Amino acid sequence: MRHTILVFLSLGVVGSAVATSYEKSANDSKAVCYSPYTAIADRCLFVDHQTDGSWYDMREYCNLINGDFLKLDDANLLTDIVEYITYQVGVNRDYWIGGSDENHEGLWLWTDGTLMRTGVPLWYHCTSISQQPDGGSSENCAVMRWDSFYHIHDVSCYTSRSVICESRTH
């Protein structure tokens, strides 16, 4: 009996020591989020894997729920989102985020008008020769692709994808 209790206590200590980065940030988060948003890294985000549409449709969708596209501007935030999708959502989908170079080819801007940095660590590094964004004038909207560990790619704005919205209020 005594050994059984020690085993359970040991497992509890080990189990709590391997919290994911998302779980740590969720526990430490200062954000107060209202449904359907969830606190991830001090932001209120809604990862909607059940709704699909073009970049334009999904931006309108985010606006309808008092948000806009996710502004993915930090590698730690990317880590927390990947862990949230992996452990909480559990569905492999691509997600629209708020970056575009539609107004001027090669000048990537967030939907709030600020400059969007390209390159590592957030954009996918394809090969030693090619790096995202690589689609030229036919691929003008930013998406997080599940098949490249949710790093950013440029794709046609008219393809159908899921969305990550960020709340305007929290």
N, C-alpha and C. Protein backbone atom coordinates (compact mmCIF):
# COMPACT_ATOMS: atom_id res chain seq x y z
N MET A 1 0.82 -1.19 0.00
CA MET A 1 0.00 0.00 0.00
C MET A 1 0.88 1.26 0.00
N ARG A 2 1.90 1.27 0.83
CA ARG A 2 2.77 2.42 0.93
C ARG A 2 3.48 2.68 -0.40
N HIS A 3 3.92 1.64 -1.09
CA HIS A 3 4.60 1.78 -2.38
C HIS A 3 3.65 2.35 -3.42
N THR A 4 2.40 1.93 -3.37
CA THR A 4 1.41 2.43 -4.33
C THR A 4 1.23 3.93 -4.19
N ILE A 5 1.13 4.42 -2.98
CA ILE A 5 0.96 5.85 -2.74
C ILE A 5 2.18 6.61 -3.24
N LEU A 6 3.37 6.11 -2.97
CA LEU A 6 4.58 6.77 -3.44
C LEU A 6 4.64 6.82 -4.96
N VAL A 7 4.21 5.76 -5.61
CA VAL A 7 4.19 5.74 -7.07
C VAL A 7 3.24 6.81 -7.59
N PHE A 8 2.05 6.90 -7.03
CA PHE A 8 1.09 7.91 -7.46
C PHE A 8 1.60 9.32 -7.20
N LEU A 9 2.22 9.54 -6.06
CA LEU A 9 2.79 10.85 -5.76
C LEU A 9 3.91 11.18 -6.73
N SER A 10 4.75 10.20 -7.02
CA SER A 10 5.84 10.42 -7.97
C SER A 10 5.30 10.75 -9.35
N LEU A 11 4.29 10.04 -9.78
CA LEU A 11 3.70 10.30 -11.09
C LEU A 11 3.09 11.68 -11.15
N GLY A 12 2.45 12.09 -10.07
CA GLY A 12 1.86 13.42 -10.02
C GLY A 12 2.90 14.51 -10.16
N VAL A 13 4.02 14.36 -9.50
CA VAL A 13 5.10 15.35 -9.58
C VAL A 13 5.68 15.38 -10.98
N VAL A 14 5.94 14.22 -11.55
CA VAL A 14 6.48 14.14 -12.91
C VAL A 14 5.49 14.71 -13.90
N GLY A 15 4.22 14.35 -13.77
CA GLY A 15 3.19 14.83 -14.70
C GLY A 15 3.07 16.34 -14.69
N SER A 16 3.16 16.96 -13.53
CA SER A 16 3.02 18.40 -13.47
C SER A 16 4.27 19.12 -13.95
N ALA A 17 5.40 18.45 -13.97
CA ALA A 17 6.65 19.07 -14.38
C ALA A 17 6.78 19.20 -15.89
N VAL A 18 5.93 18.56 -16.65
CA VAL A 18 6.05 18.60 -18.10
C VAL A 18 4.90 19.39 -18.73
N ALA A 19 4.57 20.51 -18.14
CA ALA A 19 3.53 21.38 -18.71
C ALA A 19 4.05 21.98 -20.01
N THR A 20 3.16 22.11 -20.98
CA THR A 20 3.55 22.71 -22.25
C THR A 20 3.73 24.21 -22.09
N SER A 21 4.39 24.81 -23.06
CA SER A 21 4.58 26.25 -23.07
C SER A 21 3.23 26.96 -23.08
N TYR A 22 2.27 26.42 -23.85
CA TYR A 22 0.92 27.00 -23.88
C TYR A 22 0.29 26.98 -22.50
N GLU A 23 0.39 25.84 -21.80
CA GLU A 23 -0.22 25.72 -20.47
C GLU A 23 0.41 26.71 -19.49
N LYS A 24 1.71 26.89 -19.58
CA LYS A 24 2.38 27.86 -18.71
C LYS A 24 1.90 29.27 -19.03
N SER A 25 1.82 29.62 -20.31
CA SER A 25 1.39 30.96 -20.67
C SER A 25 -0.08 31.17 -20.34
N ALA A 26 -0.90 30.13 -20.46
CA ALA A 26 -2.32 30.25 -20.12
C ALA A 26 -2.48 30.48 -18.62
N ASN A 27 -1.69 29.79 -17.82
CA ASN A 27 -1.76 29.97 -16.37
C ASN A 27 -1.25 31.34 -15.94
N ASP A 28 -0.26 31.87 -16.65
CA ASP A 28 0.32 33.17 -16.31
C ASP A 28 -0.36 34.33 -17.02
N SER A 29 -1.28 34.05 -17.92
CA SER A 29 -1.89 35.07 -18.77
C SER A 29 -2.64 36.10 -17.94
N LYS A 30 -2.49 37.36 -18.34
CA LYS A 30 -3.23 38.45 -17.72
C LYS A 30 -4.48 38.78 -18.52
N ALA A 31 -4.64 38.13 -19.66
CA ALA A 31 -5.79 38.41 -20.53
C ALA A 31 -7.06 37.81 -19.94
N VAL A 32 -8.13 38.59 -20.00
CA VAL A 32 -9.46 38.11 -19.65
C VAL A 32 -10.23 38.05 -20.96
N CYS A 33 -10.56 36.85 -21.38
CA CYS A 33 -11.16 36.66 -22.70
C CYS A 33 -12.62 36.24 -22.58
N TYR A 34 -13.41 36.71 -23.52
CA TYR A 34 -14.82 36.38 -23.57
C TYR A 34 -15.07 35.44 -24.73
N SER A 35 -16.02 34.55 -24.55
CA SER A 35 -16.34 33.53 -25.55
C SER A 35 -16.57 34.19 -26.91
N PRO A 36 -16.02 33.62 -27.97
CA PRO A 36 -15.39 32.31 -28.10
C PRO A 36 -13.88 32.33 -27.94
N TYR A 37 -13.32 33.41 -27.42
CA TYR A 37 -11.87 33.58 -27.35
C TYR A 37 -11.26 32.85 -26.15
N THR A 38 -10.00 32.44 -26.31
CA THR A 38 -9.22 31.74 -25.29
C THR A 38 -7.93 32.51 -25.05
N ALA A 39 -7.49 32.59 -23.80
CA ALA A 39 -6.23 33.27 -23.48
C ALA A 39 -5.06 32.40 -23.92
N ILE A 40 -4.26 32.95 -24.82
CA ILE A 40 -3.04 32.30 -25.28
C ILE A 40 -1.97 33.39 -25.32
N ALA A 41 -0.95 33.25 -24.46
CA ALA A 41 0.17 34.20 -24.43
C ALA A 41 -0.28 35.65 -24.28
N ASP A 42 -1.12 35.93 -23.31
CA ASP A 42 -1.63 37.28 -23.02
C ASP A 42 -2.45 37.88 -24.16
N ARG A 43 -2.93 37.06 -25.03
CA ARG A 43 -3.83 37.52 -26.09
C ARG A 43 -5.09 36.68 -26.04
N CYS A 44 -6.15 37.23 -26.59
CA CYS A 44 -7.41 36.49 -26.67
C CYS A 44 -7.59 36.04 -28.11
N LEU A 45 -7.47 34.72 -28.33
CA LEU A 45 -7.50 34.16 -29.67
C LEU A 45 -8.63 33.16 -29.81
N PHE A 46 -9.14 33.05 -31.03
CA PHE A 46 -10.15 32.04 -31.35
C PHE A 46 -9.62 31.24 -32.53
N VAL A 47 -9.25 29.99 -32.27
CA VAL A 47 -8.78 29.08 -33.31
C VAL A 47 -10.00 28.31 -33.80
N ASP A 48 -10.53 28.72 -34.95
CA ASP A 48 -11.75 28.09 -35.46
C ASP A 48 -11.40 27.13 -36.59
N HIS A 49 -11.41 25.84 -36.27
CA HIS A 49 -11.08 24.82 -37.26
C HIS A 49 -12.32 24.30 -37.98
N GLN A 50 -13.50 24.79 -37.61
CA GLN A 50 -14.74 24.29 -38.19
C GLN A 50 -15.30 25.18 -39.29
N THR A 51 -14.77 26.39 -39.43
CA THR A 51 -15.26 27.34 -40.43
C THR A 51 -14.16 27.58 -41.45
N ASP A 52 -14.53 27.57 -42.73
CA ASP A 52 -13.57 27.79 -43.81
C ASP A 52 -14.07 28.90 -44.73
N GLY A 53 -13.14 29.55 -45.39
CA GLY A 53 -13.49 30.55 -46.39
C GLY A 53 -12.25 31.22 -46.92
N SER A 54 -12.45 32.14 -47.84
CA SER A 54 -11.34 32.91 -48.39
C SER A 54 -10.79 33.84 -47.31
N TRP A 55 -9.65 34.44 -47.59
CA TRP A 55 -9.05 35.39 -46.64
C TRP A 55 -10.02 36.52 -46.34
N TYR A 56 -10.71 36.99 -47.37
CA TYR A 56 -11.66 38.10 -47.21
C TYR A 56 -12.88 37.67 -46.38
N ASP A 57 -13.41 36.48 -46.68
CA ASP A 57 -14.55 35.97 -45.92
C ASP A 57 -14.20 35.79 -44.45
N MET A 58 -13.02 35.26 -44.19
CA MET A 58 -12.62 34.99 -42.81
C MET A 58 -12.29 36.27 -42.05
N ARG A 59 -11.83 37.30 -42.75
CA ARG A 59 -11.62 38.58 -42.06
C ARG A 59 -12.97 39.17 -41.64
N GLU A 60 -13.94 39.08 -42.53
CA GLU A 60 -15.29 39.55 -42.19
C GLU A 60 -15.85 38.75 -41.01
N TYR A 61 -15.60 37.44 -41.02
CA TYR A 61 -16.04 36.57 -39.94
C TYR A 61 -15.44 37.02 -38.61
N CYS A 62 -14.13 37.28 -38.59
CA CYS A 62 -13.48 37.75 -37.36
C CYS A 62 -14.08 39.08 -36.90
N ASN A 63 -14.34 39.98 -37.85
CA ASN A 63 -14.94 41.26 -37.50
C ASN A 63 -16.31 41.09 -36.86
N LEU A 64 -17.08 40.10 -37.33
CA LEU A 64 -18.41 39.85 -36.78
C LEU A 64 -18.36 39.40 -35.33
N ILE A 65 -17.26 38.80 -34.91
CA ILE A 65 -17.14 38.36 -33.51
C ILE A 65 -16.18 39.27 -32.73
N ASN A 66 -16.18 40.56 -33.12
CA ASN A 66 -15.42 41.60 -32.43
C ASN A 66 -13.92 41.32 -32.42
N GLY A 67 -13.40 40.91 -33.57
CA GLY A 67 -11.97 40.64 -33.67
C GLY A 67 -11.44 40.99 -35.04
N ASP A 68 -10.24 40.56 -35.28
CA ASP A 68 -9.60 40.66 -36.58
C ASP A 68 -8.68 39.45 -36.66
N PHE A 69 -7.96 39.33 -37.76
CA PHE A 69 -7.01 38.23 -37.89
C PHE A 69 -5.94 38.29 -36.81
N LEU A 70 -5.38 37.14 -36.50
CA LEU A 70 -4.22 37.05 -35.62
C LEU A 70 -3.06 37.83 -36.22
N LYS A 71 -2.37 38.57 -35.36
CA LYS A 71 -1.11 39.21 -35.73
C LYS A 71 0.00 38.37 -35.10
N LEU A 72 0.57 37.48 -35.88
CA LEU A 72 1.60 36.55 -35.41
C LEU A 72 2.97 37.21 -35.59
N ASP A 73 3.41 37.91 -34.56
CA ASP A 73 4.64 38.70 -34.66
C ASP A 73 5.70 38.30 -33.64
N ASP A 74 5.58 37.08 -33.10
CA ASP A 74 6.50 36.65 -32.05
C ASP A 74 6.66 35.14 -32.11
N ALA A 75 7.89 34.66 -32.05
CA ALA A 75 8.15 33.21 -32.12
C ALA A 75 7.60 32.48 -30.90
N ASN A 76 7.60 33.11 -29.74
CA ASN A 76 7.03 32.48 -28.55
C ASN A 76 5.53 32.30 -28.71
N LEU A 77 4.88 33.28 -29.31
CA LEU A 77 3.45 33.16 -29.59
C LEU A 77 3.19 32.00 -30.54
N LEU A 78 4.02 31.86 -31.57
CA LEU A 78 3.89 30.73 -32.50
C LEU A 78 3.97 29.41 -31.74
N THR A 79 4.93 29.28 -30.84
CA THR A 79 5.07 28.06 -30.05
C THR A 79 3.81 27.78 -29.25
N ASP A 80 3.28 28.80 -28.58
CA ASP A 80 2.07 28.62 -27.77
C ASP A 80 0.87 28.23 -28.63
N ILE A 81 0.75 28.83 -29.81
CA ILE A 81 -0.37 28.50 -30.70
C ILE A 81 -0.24 27.08 -31.22
N VAL A 82 0.95 26.68 -31.62
CA VAL A 82 1.16 25.31 -32.11
C VAL A 82 0.81 24.31 -31.02
N GLU A 83 1.23 24.56 -29.80
CA GLU A 83 0.90 23.65 -28.70
C GLU A 83 -0.60 23.64 -28.42
N TYR A 84 -1.24 24.80 -28.48
CA TYR A 84 -2.69 24.86 -28.27
C TYR A 84 -3.41 24.05 -29.35
N ILE A 85 -3.04 24.25 -30.61
CA ILE A 85 -3.68 23.51 -31.70
C ILE A 85 -3.43 22.02 -31.54
N THR A 86 -2.20 21.65 -31.22
CA THR A 86 -1.84 20.24 -31.10
C THR A 86 -2.57 19.55 -29.95
N TYR A 87 -2.58 20.17 -28.79
CA TYR A 87 -3.10 19.51 -27.59
C TYR A 87 -4.55 19.83 -27.25
N GLN A 88 -5.06 20.97 -27.71
CA GLN A 88 -6.44 21.34 -27.39
C GLN A 88 -7.39 21.15 -28.57
N VAL A 89 -6.96 21.54 -29.76
CA VAL A 89 -7.81 21.43 -30.95
C VAL A 89 -7.68 20.04 -31.56
N GLY A 90 -6.45 19.60 -31.81
CA GLY A 90 -6.19 18.26 -32.30
C GLY A 90 -6.60 18.00 -33.74
N VAL A 91 -6.72 19.06 -34.54
CA VAL A 91 -7.13 18.91 -35.94
C VAL A 91 -6.09 19.60 -36.82
N ASN A 92 -5.63 18.92 -37.86
CA ASN A 92 -4.65 19.48 -38.78
C ASN A 92 -5.35 20.34 -39.83
N ARG A 93 -5.24 21.64 -39.68
CA ARG A 93 -5.83 22.59 -40.61
C ARG A 93 -4.84 23.71 -40.88
N ASP A 94 -5.03 24.39 -42.00
CA ASP A 94 -4.30 25.63 -42.27
C ASP A 94 -5.15 26.79 -41.76
N TYR A 95 -4.50 27.85 -41.27
CA TYR A 95 -5.22 28.97 -40.66
C TYR A 95 -4.80 30.30 -41.27
N TRP A 96 -5.80 31.07 -41.71
CA TRP A 96 -5.54 32.44 -42.16
C TRP A 96 -5.09 33.28 -40.97
N ILE A 97 -4.13 34.17 -41.23
CA ILE A 97 -3.73 35.19 -40.26
C ILE A 97 -3.71 36.53 -40.98
N GLY A 98 -3.42 37.60 -40.27
CA GLY A 98 -3.62 38.94 -40.80
C GLY A 98 -2.51 39.58 -41.57
N GLY A 99 -1.82 38.87 -42.42
CA GLY A 99 -0.77 39.47 -43.23
C GLY A 99 -1.08 39.39 -44.71
N SER A 100 -0.67 40.45 -45.44
CA SER A 100 -0.91 40.48 -46.89
C SER A 100 0.08 41.44 -47.56
N ASP A 101 0.41 41.12 -48.82
CA ASP A 101 1.18 42.07 -49.64
C ASP A 101 0.37 42.43 -50.88
N GLU A 102 -0.94 42.38 -50.74
CA GLU A 102 -1.83 42.61 -51.87
C GLU A 102 -1.76 44.04 -52.41
N ASN A 103 -1.54 45.03 -51.55
CA ASN A 103 -1.50 46.42 -52.01
C ASN A 103 -0.20 46.78 -52.70
N HIS A 104 0.89 46.13 -52.33
CA HIS A 104 2.20 46.38 -52.95
C HIS A 104 3.02 45.10 -52.86
N GLU A 105 3.28 44.48 -54.00
CA GLU A 105 3.99 43.20 -54.03
C GLU A 105 5.32 43.28 -53.29
N GLY A 106 5.49 42.35 -52.34
CA GLY A 106 6.72 42.27 -51.58
C GLY A 106 6.72 43.07 -50.29
N LEU A 107 5.75 43.97 -50.11
CA LEU A 107 5.63 44.74 -48.88
C LEU A 107 4.52 44.13 -48.04
N TRP A 108 4.90 43.30 -47.10
CA TRP A 108 3.94 42.59 -46.26
C TRP A 108 3.54 43.45 -45.08
N LEU A 109 2.22 43.61 -44.93
CA LEU A 109 1.67 44.41 -43.84
C LEU A 109 0.65 43.59 -43.07
N TRP A 110 0.57 43.87 -41.77
CA TRP A 110 -0.51 43.31 -40.96
C TRP A 110 -1.78 44.10 -41.26
N THR A 111 -2.90 43.54 -40.90
CA THR A 111 -4.17 44.23 -41.16
C THR A 111 -4.28 45.54 -40.39
N ASP A 112 -3.47 45.75 -39.36
CA ASP A 112 -3.47 47.03 -38.64
C ASP A 112 -2.56 48.06 -39.31
N GLY A 113 -1.94 47.69 -40.45
CA GLY A 113 -1.10 48.61 -41.21
C GLY A 113 0.37 48.59 -40.85
N THR A 114 0.76 47.84 -39.82
CA THR A 114 2.17 47.77 -39.44
C THR A 114 2.92 46.78 -40.32
N LEU A 115 4.23 46.98 -40.40
CA LEU A 115 5.08 46.14 -41.23
C LEU A 115 5.15 44.72 -40.67
N MET A 116 5.02 43.75 -41.55
CA MET A 116 5.11 42.34 -41.19
C MET A 116 6.50 41.84 -41.60
N ARG A 117 7.31 41.44 -40.63
CA ARG A 117 8.64 40.92 -40.95
C ARG A 117 8.51 39.59 -41.67
N THR A 118 9.33 39.40 -42.69
CA THR A 118 9.38 38.12 -43.38
C THR A 118 10.67 37.40 -42.97
N GLY A 119 10.74 36.13 -43.31
CA GLY A 119 11.93 35.34 -42.97
C GLY A 119 11.75 34.57 -41.68
N VAL A 120 12.84 33.91 -41.29
CA VAL A 120 12.81 33.12 -40.06
C VAL A 120 12.72 34.06 -38.86
N PRO A 121 12.13 33.67 -37.78
CA PRO A 121 11.68 32.33 -37.43
C PRO A 121 10.21 32.03 -37.74
N LEU A 122 9.45 33.00 -38.24
CA LEU A 122 8.01 32.78 -38.40
C LEU A 122 7.62 32.24 -39.77
N TRP A 123 8.35 32.63 -40.80
CA TRP A 123 8.05 32.16 -42.14
C TRP A 123 8.77 30.84 -42.40
N TYR A 124 8.14 30.01 -43.22
CA TYR A 124 8.71 28.69 -43.51
C TYR A 124 9.93 28.82 -44.40
N HIS A 125 10.98 28.10 -44.04
CA HIS A 125 12.21 28.07 -44.82
C HIS A 125 12.20 26.78 -45.64
N CYS A 126 11.88 26.88 -46.93
CA CYS A 126 11.68 25.71 -47.79
C CYS A 126 12.95 24.93 -48.04
N THR A 127 13.90 25.58 -48.67
CA THR A 127 15.16 24.93 -49.03
C THR A 127 16.27 25.95 -48.85
N SER A 128 17.48 25.57 -49.19
CA SER A 128 18.58 26.52 -49.10
C SER A 128 18.46 27.61 -50.16
N ILE A 129 17.65 27.37 -51.18
CA ILE A 129 17.48 28.33 -52.27
C ILE A 129 16.23 29.19 -52.08
N SER A 130 15.16 28.58 -51.59
CA SER A 130 13.87 29.26 -51.54
C SER A 130 13.38 29.43 -50.11
N GLN A 131 12.76 30.56 -49.85
CA GLN A 131 12.19 30.87 -48.54
C GLN A 131 10.83 31.51 -48.78
N GLN A 132 9.86 31.19 -47.92
CA GLN A 132 8.57 31.87 -47.98
C GLN A 132 8.79 33.32 -47.56
N PRO A 133 8.06 34.27 -48.12
CA PRO A 133 7.05 34.15 -49.17
C PRO A 133 7.70 33.99 -50.55
N ASP A 134 7.12 33.11 -51.36
CA ASP A 134 7.71 32.83 -52.67
C ASP A 134 6.69 32.80 -53.80
N GLY A 135 5.48 33.26 -53.57
CA GLY A 135 4.42 33.12 -54.56
C GLY A 135 4.25 34.26 -55.53
N GLY A 136 5.03 35.32 -55.40
CA GLY A 136 4.89 36.44 -56.32
C GLY A 136 3.51 37.08 -56.23
N SER A 137 3.06 37.64 -57.34
CA SER A 137 1.81 38.39 -57.34
C SER A 137 0.57 37.51 -57.28
N SER A 138 0.72 36.19 -57.38
CA SER A 138 -0.45 35.31 -57.32
C SER A 138 -0.74 34.79 -55.92
N GLU A 139 0.17 35.02 -54.98
CA GLU A 139 -0.01 34.57 -53.60
C GLU A 139 0.25 35.74 -52.66
N ASN A 140 -0.84 36.36 -52.20
CA ASN A 140 -0.72 37.62 -51.47
C ASN A 140 -1.22 37.61 -50.04
N CYS A 141 -1.65 36.47 -49.54
CA CYS A 141 -2.19 36.41 -48.18
C CYS A 141 -1.44 35.38 -47.35
N ALA A 142 -1.32 35.67 -46.05
CA ALA A 142 -0.55 34.83 -45.13
C ALA A 142 -1.41 33.76 -44.49
N VAL A 143 -0.86 32.55 -44.45
CA VAL A 143 -1.54 31.42 -43.83
C VAL A 143 -0.52 30.63 -43.01
N MET A 144 -0.98 30.08 -41.90
CA MET A 144 -0.16 29.15 -41.10
C MET A 144 -0.50 27.75 -41.60
N ARG A 145 0.49 27.05 -42.16
CA ARG A 145 0.24 25.72 -42.73
C ARG A 145 0.63 24.63 -41.76
N TRP A 146 -0.30 23.70 -41.56
CA TRP A 146 -0.06 22.61 -40.60
C TRP A 146 1.06 21.68 -41.05
N ASP A 147 1.25 21.53 -42.38
CA ASP A 147 2.26 20.59 -42.86
C ASP A 147 3.68 21.15 -42.80
N SER A 148 3.83 22.37 -42.31
CA SER A 148 5.17 22.92 -42.07
C SER A 148 5.24 23.50 -40.65
N PHE A 149 4.63 22.76 -39.72
CA PHE A 149 4.67 23.12 -38.30
C PHE A 149 4.07 24.50 -38.03
N TYR A 150 3.07 24.86 -38.83
CA TYR A 150 2.33 26.12 -38.70
C TYR A 150 3.17 27.36 -38.95
N HIS A 151 4.26 27.22 -39.69
CA HIS A 151 5.00 28.39 -40.12
C HIS A 151 4.20 29.09 -41.23
N ILE A 152 4.52 30.35 -41.45
CA ILE A 152 3.75 31.17 -42.39
C ILE A 152 4.17 30.88 -43.83
N HIS A 153 3.16 30.84 -44.70
CA HIS A 153 3.33 30.73 -46.15
C HIS A 153 2.50 31.82 -46.81
N ASP A 154 2.85 32.18 -48.02
CA ASP A 154 1.97 33.03 -48.82
C ASP A 154 1.19 32.14 -49.78
N VAL A 155 -0.11 32.38 -49.87
CA VAL A 155 -0.99 31.60 -50.74
C VAL A 155 -1.99 32.55 -51.38
N SER A 156 -2.74 32.04 -52.34
CA SER A 156 -3.80 32.82 -52.96
C SER A 156 -4.85 33.17 -51.91
N CYS A 157 -5.30 34.39 -51.91
CA CYS A 157 -6.28 34.87 -50.93
C CYS A 157 -7.65 34.23 -51.13
N TYR A 158 -7.85 33.56 -52.24
CA TYR A 158 -9.17 33.01 -52.57
C TYR A 158 -9.32 31.54 -52.20
N THR A 159 -8.24 30.90 -51.72
CA THR A 159 -8.37 29.51 -51.31
C THR A 159 -9.15 29.45 -49.99
N SER A 160 -9.71 28.30 -49.71
CA SER A 160 -10.53 28.14 -48.51
C SER A 160 -9.67 27.59 -47.37
N ARG A 161 -9.64 28.32 -46.27
CA ARG A 161 -8.85 27.94 -45.09
C ARG A 161 -9.66 28.24 -43.83
N SER A 162 -9.19 27.68 -42.71
CA SER A 162 -9.76 28.02 -41.41
C SER A 162 -9.12 29.33 -40.95
N VAL A 163 -9.41 29.75 -39.71
CA VAL A 163 -8.97 31.08 -39.29
C VAL A 163 -8.59 31.10 -37.81
N ILE A 164 -7.65 31.99 -37.50
CA ILE A 164 -7.39 32.35 -36.11
C ILE A 164 -7.69 33.84 -35.97
N CYS A 165 -8.68 34.14 -35.14
CA CYS A 165 -9.08 35.52 -34.88
C CYS A 165 -8.46 35.98 -33.56
N GLU A 166 -8.18 37.27 -33.48
CA GLU A 166 -7.69 37.88 -32.25
C GLU A 166 -8.70 38.94 -31.81
N SER A 167 -9.11 38.87 -30.56
CA SER A 167 -10.12 39.79 -30.04
C SER A 167 -9.61 41.22 -30.02
N ARG A 168 -10.50 42.16 -30.32
CA ARG A 168 -10.15 43.57 -30.22
C ARG A 168 -10.17 44.05 -28.77
N THR A 169 -10.92 43.34 -27.93
CA THR A 169 -11.04 43.73 -26.52
C THR A 169 -10.67 42.56 -25.63
N HIS A 170 -9.93 42.84 -24.58
CA HIS A 170 -9.65 41.82 -23.56
C HIS A 170 -9.21 42.47 -22.29
